[in-house]
Structures are given as structure tokens and as C-alpha cells.
C-alpha atoms as a PDB file:
ATOM      1  CA  MET A   1      -8.028  -6.839 -15.467  1.00  0.00           C
ATOM      2  CA  GLN A   2      -5.530  -4.584 -17.894  1.00  0.00           C
ATOM      3  CA  SER A   3      -2.532  -3.702 -17.381  1.00  0.00           C
ATOM      4  CA  ASP A   4       0.392  -2.256 -18.947  1.00  0.00           C
ATOM      5  CA  ASN A   5       2.457  -4.652 -20.383  1.00  0.00           C
ATOM      6  CA  GLY A   6       5.653  -3.339 -18.082  1.00  0.00           C
ATOM      7  CA  GLY A   7       6.035  -5.864 -16.269  1.00  0.00           C
ATOM      8  CA  ASP A   8       4.912  -5.235 -12.651  1.00  0.00           C
ATOM      9  CA  PHE A   9       2.159  -8.387 -13.378  1.00  0.00           C
ATOM     10  CA  LYS A  10       4.653 -10.583 -15.229  1.00  0.00           C
ATOM     11  CA  SER A  11       4.697 -12.896 -12.216  1.00  0.00           C
ATOM     12  CA  PHE A  12       0.838 -12.688 -11.731  1.00  0.00           C
ATOM     13  CA  ILE A  13      -0.059 -13.617 -14.309  1.00  0.00           C
ATOM     14  CA  THR A  14      -0.174 -17.467 -13.925  1.00  0.00           C
ATOM     15  CA  PHE A  15      -2.325 -16.842 -10.916  1.00  0.00           C
ATOM     16  CA  LEU A  16      -4.833 -14.851 -13.165  1.00  0.00           C
ATOM     17  CA  GLN A  17      -4.802 -17.764 -15.748  1.00  0.00           C
ATOM     18  CA  GLN A  18      -5.163 -20.343 -13.077  1.00  0.00           C
ATOM     19  CA  ALA A  19      -8.280 -18.162 -11.347  1.00  0.00           C
ATOM     20  CA  GLY A  20      -9.952 -17.596 -14.733  1.00  0.00           C
ATOM     21  CA  ILE A  21      -9.161 -14.324 -15.812  1.00  0.00           C
ATOM     22  CA  VAL A  22      -8.270 -12.614 -18.544  1.00  0.00           C
ATOM     23  CA  HIS A  23      -5.794 -10.484 -18.496  1.00  0.00           C
ATOM     24  CA  HIS A  24      -5.761  -7.998 -21.640  1.00  0.00           C
ATOM     25  CA  PHE A  25      -3.058  -5.659 -22.360  1.00  0.00           C
ATOM     26  CA  SER A  26      -3.012  -1.752 -23.435  1.00  0.00           C
ATOM     27  CA  CYS A  27      -2.017  -0.346 -25.943  1.00  0.00           C
ATOM     28  CA  PRO A  28       2.554  -0.092 -25.678  1.00  0.00           C
ATOM     29  CA  TYR A  29       3.424   4.243 -24.840  1.00  0.00           C
ATOM     30  CA  ASN A  30      -0.620   4.869 -24.235  1.00  0.00           C
ATOM     31  CA  SER A  31      -0.850   6.569 -20.903  1.00  0.00           C
ATOM     32  CA  ALA A  32      -4.726   7.063 -21.243  1.00  0.00           C
ATOM     33  CA  GLN A  33      -6.031   3.454 -20.786  1.00  0.00           C
ATOM     34  CA  ASN A  34      -3.885   3.296 -17.487  1.00  0.00           C
ATOM     35  CA  ARG A  35      -4.854   6.623 -16.230  1.00  0.00           C
ATOM     36  CA  ARG A  36      -6.548   5.039 -13.251  1.00  0.00           C
ATOM     37  CA  VAL A  37      -4.282   2.666 -11.823  1.00  0.00           C
ATOM     38  CA  GLU A  38      -0.491   5.466 -12.491  1.00  0.00           C
ATOM     39  CA  ARG A  39      -2.822   7.909 -10.528  1.00  0.00           C
ATOM     40  CA  LYS A  40      -3.978   5.300  -7.409  1.00  0.00           C
ATOM     41  CA  HIS A  41       0.175   4.454  -7.762  1.00  0.00           C
ATOM     42  CA  ARG A  42       1.711   7.724  -7.949  1.00  0.00           C
ATOM     43  CA  HIS A  43      -0.508   8.103  -5.253  1.00  0.00           C
ATOM     44  CA  VAL A  44       1.008   4.966  -3.199  1.00  0.00           C
ATOM     45  CA  VAL A  45       4.737   6.436  -3.670  1.00  0.00           C
ATOM     46  CA  GLU A  46       3.662   9.408  -2.544  1.00  0.00           C
ATOM     47  CA  THR A  47       2.592   8.480   0.516  1.00  0.00           C
ATOM     48  CA  GLY A  48       4.931   6.381   0.948  1.00  0.00           C
ATOM     49  CA  LEU A  49       7.377   9.148   0.207  1.00  0.00           C
ATOM     50  CA  ALA A  50       6.260  11.081   2.680  1.00  0.00           C
ATOM     51  CA  LEU A  51       6.164   8.232   5.288  1.00  0.00           C
ATOM     52  CA  LEU A  52      10.054   8.026   4.985  1.00  0.00           C
ATOM     53  CA  ALA A  53      10.805  11.960   4.890  1.00  0.00           C
ATOM     54  CA  HIS A  54       8.765  12.697   7.492  1.00  0.00           C
ATOM     55  CA  ALA A  55       9.705   9.745   9.898  1.00  0.00           C
ATOM     56  CA  SER A  56      14.372  10.354   8.384  1.00  0.00           C
ATOM     57  CA  LEU A  57      14.178   7.320   7.398  1.00  0.00           C
ATOM     58  CA  PRO A  58      16.457   6.034   4.844  1.00  0.00           C
ATOM     59  CA  MET A  59      15.598   4.367   1.385  1.00  0.00           C
ATOM     60  CA  LYS A  60      16.390   1.008   2.338  1.00  0.00           C
ATOM     61  CA  PHE A  61      12.646   0.428   4.810  1.00  0.00           C
ATOM     62  CA  TRP A  62      10.986   1.728   1.237  1.00  0.00           C
ATOM     63  CA  GLN A  63       9.081  -2.201   1.073  1.00  0.00           C
ATOM     64  CA  TYR A  64       7.611  -0.958   5.191  1.00  0.00           C
ATOM     65  CA  ALA A  65       6.571   2.768   4.106  1.00  0.00           C
ATOM     66  CA  PHE A  66       4.761   1.813   0.753  1.00  0.00           C
ATOM     67  CA  GLN A  67       2.729  -0.899   3.389  1.00  0.00           C
ATOM     68  CA  SER A  68       1.565   1.423   5.554  1.00  0.00           C
ATOM     69  CA  ALA A  69       0.422   3.521   3.063  1.00  0.00           C
ATOM     70  CA  THR A  70      -1.853   1.124   1.758  1.00  0.00           C
ATOM     71  CA  PHE A  71      -3.653   0.716   4.761  1.00  0.00           C
ATOM     72  CA  LEU A  72      -3.764   4.226   5.222  1.00  0.00           C
ATOM     73  CA  ILE A  73      -4.677   4.925   1.970  1.00  0.00           C
ATOM     74  CA  ASN A  74      -7.332   1.782   2.264  1.00  0.00           C
ATOM     75  CA  ARG A  75      -8.926   3.842   5.367  1.00  0.00           C
ATOM     76  CA  MET A  76      -9.267   7.205   4.202  1.00  0.00           C
ATOM     77  CA  PRO A  77     -12.153   9.115   3.112  1.00  0.00           C
ATOM     78  CA  SER A  78     -12.362   8.843   0.115  1.00  0.00           C
ATOM     79  CA  LYS A  79     -14.694  12.231  -2.252  1.00  0.00           C
ATOM     80  CA  VAL A  80     -15.609   9.440  -4.972  1.00  0.00           C
ATOM     81  CA  LEU A  81     -16.547   7.095  -2.814  1.00  0.00           C
ATOM     82  CA  ASN A  82     -19.479  10.038  -0.971  1.00  0.00           C
ATOM     83  CA  ASN A  83     -16.390  10.106   1.826  1.00  0.00           C
ATOM     84  CA  ALA A  84     -16.642   6.024   2.453  1.00  0.00           C
ATOM     85  CA  SER A  85     -13.499   4.389   2.513  1.00  0.00           C
ATOM     86  CA  PRO A  86     -12.696   1.706   0.481  1.00  0.00           C
ATOM     87  CA  TYR A  87     -11.979  -0.325   3.506  1.00  0.00           C
ATOM     88  CA  LEU A  88     -16.369   0.980   4.607  1.00  0.00           C
ATOM     89  CA  THR A  89     -16.906   0.267   0.732  1.00  0.00           C
ATOM     90  CA  PHE A  90     -15.210  -3.057   0.889  1.00  0.00           C
ATOM     91  CA  PHE A  91     -16.095  -4.841   4.066  1.00  0.00           C
ATOM     92  CA  GLN A  92     -19.550  -3.241   4.955  1.00  0.00           C
ATOM     93  CA  LYS A  93     -17.443  -2.565   8.263  1.00  0.00           C
ATOM     94  CA  LEU A  94     -15.992   0.609   9.890  1.00  0.00           C
ATOM     95  CA  PRO A  95     -12.046   0.432  10.077  1.00  0.00           C
ATOM     96  CA  ASP A  96     -10.313   0.131  13.493  1.00  0.00           C
ATOM     97  CA  TYR A  97      -8.728   2.903  14.125  1.00  0.00           C
ATOM     98  CA  LYS A  98      -7.333   2.617  16.998  1.00  0.00           C
ATOM     99  CA  SER A  99      -3.897   0.378  16.338  1.00  0.00           C
ATOM    100  CA  LEU A 100      -2.891   3.171  14.198  1.00  0.00           C
ATOM    101  CA  ARG A 101       0.537   4.256  15.417  1.00  0.00           C
ATOM    102  CA  VAL A 102       2.822   6.637  14.044  1.00  0.00           C
ATOM    103  CA  PHE A 103       5.456   5.613  11.253  1.00  0.00           C
ATOM    104  CA  GLY A 104       9.312   5.428  12.153  1.00  0.00           C
ATOM    105  CA  CYS A 105       8.746   5.853  15.950  1.00  0.00           C
ATOM    106  CA  LEU A 106      11.204   5.066  18.467  1.00  0.00           C
ATOM    107  CA  CYS A 107      11.331   1.990  20.378  1.00  0.00           C
ATOM    108  CA  TYR A 108      12.730  -0.234  22.285  1.00  0.00           C
ATOM    109  CA  PRO A 109      12.269  -3.615  23.468  1.00  0.00           C
ATOM    110  CA  PHE A 110      11.271  -4.989  26.380  1.00  0.00           C
ATOM    111  CA  ILE A 111      13.416  -7.767  26.683  1.00  0.00           C
ATOM    112  CA  ARG A 112      13.921  -7.594  30.926  1.00  0.00           C
ATOM    113  CA  PRO A 113      12.242 -11.231  31.817  1.00  0.00           C
ATOM    114  CA  TYR A 114      14.945 -12.764  29.286  1.00  0.00           C
ATOM    115  CA  ASN A 115      18.053 -11.569  30.408  1.00  0.00           C
ATOM    116  CA  ASN A 116      18.948 -12.238  34.599  1.00  0.00           C
ATOM    117  CA  HIS A 117      21.559  -8.376  34.263  1.00  0.00           C
ATOM    118  CA  LYS A 118      21.532  -4.950  34.004  1.00  0.00           C
ATOM    119  CA  LEU A 119      23.265  -4.885  30.975  1.00  0.00           C
END
């Protein structure tokens, strides 16, 4: 595995060593060596920020937005994969789109069975 020396993978290094994975660092200040991962990172960030903006949510929900963005990106068709999704390529089965919901929609918990009075 190759990454820049930016600190994103510092906590991950021990796991890589235990798993027997060789971790190389690219040359400092040379974004050309990390072009693909930088583009993918930018794609996730821009999609997550778009989800936050569309739902009018504050930045404190960034973790959920970026997690949802990654989930969606992995299920979207990609030109690189001949219009297959990364999920289909990896698992060899079609992704289930039935569980998709609107990000940031208003919801109310159903607490009637646990509450004996109206208020």
C-alpha cells in the first residue's frame, strides 16, 4: 500500500504491519504519486458536503454525511467499471437500493407504546 506521509494512515500502520502488508510512503509534496486517492478523497468530501447542504444540516453531522456519501458512491455505476458499481464488482451481486432514504429528512420516533400519557 502506498500513501502520503500526511498522517491520515498513522494509526493504521500497526494494523498493516500485523497483517503483513508493506506500506510505502510517496515523496513529500508530490501529489502526482497520490493522484487517484486524492481524487477519490475529493469525490467523497464533495458528495458529503453536497448532502449536508441539500439537507440544510450543520457541519456537526459531517461524519454521517461522509459515511452516506461513501455508501452511495460504492453503489453508483462507474464509467471505469463499464457502468458497473464498485459493490457489484467486489461482491459479484447487485446492490440493494430498497434501503435508500433521503439524507437529513425529518423523522419522529414512535414512543406511544412506552409512554402512558399524551404528553
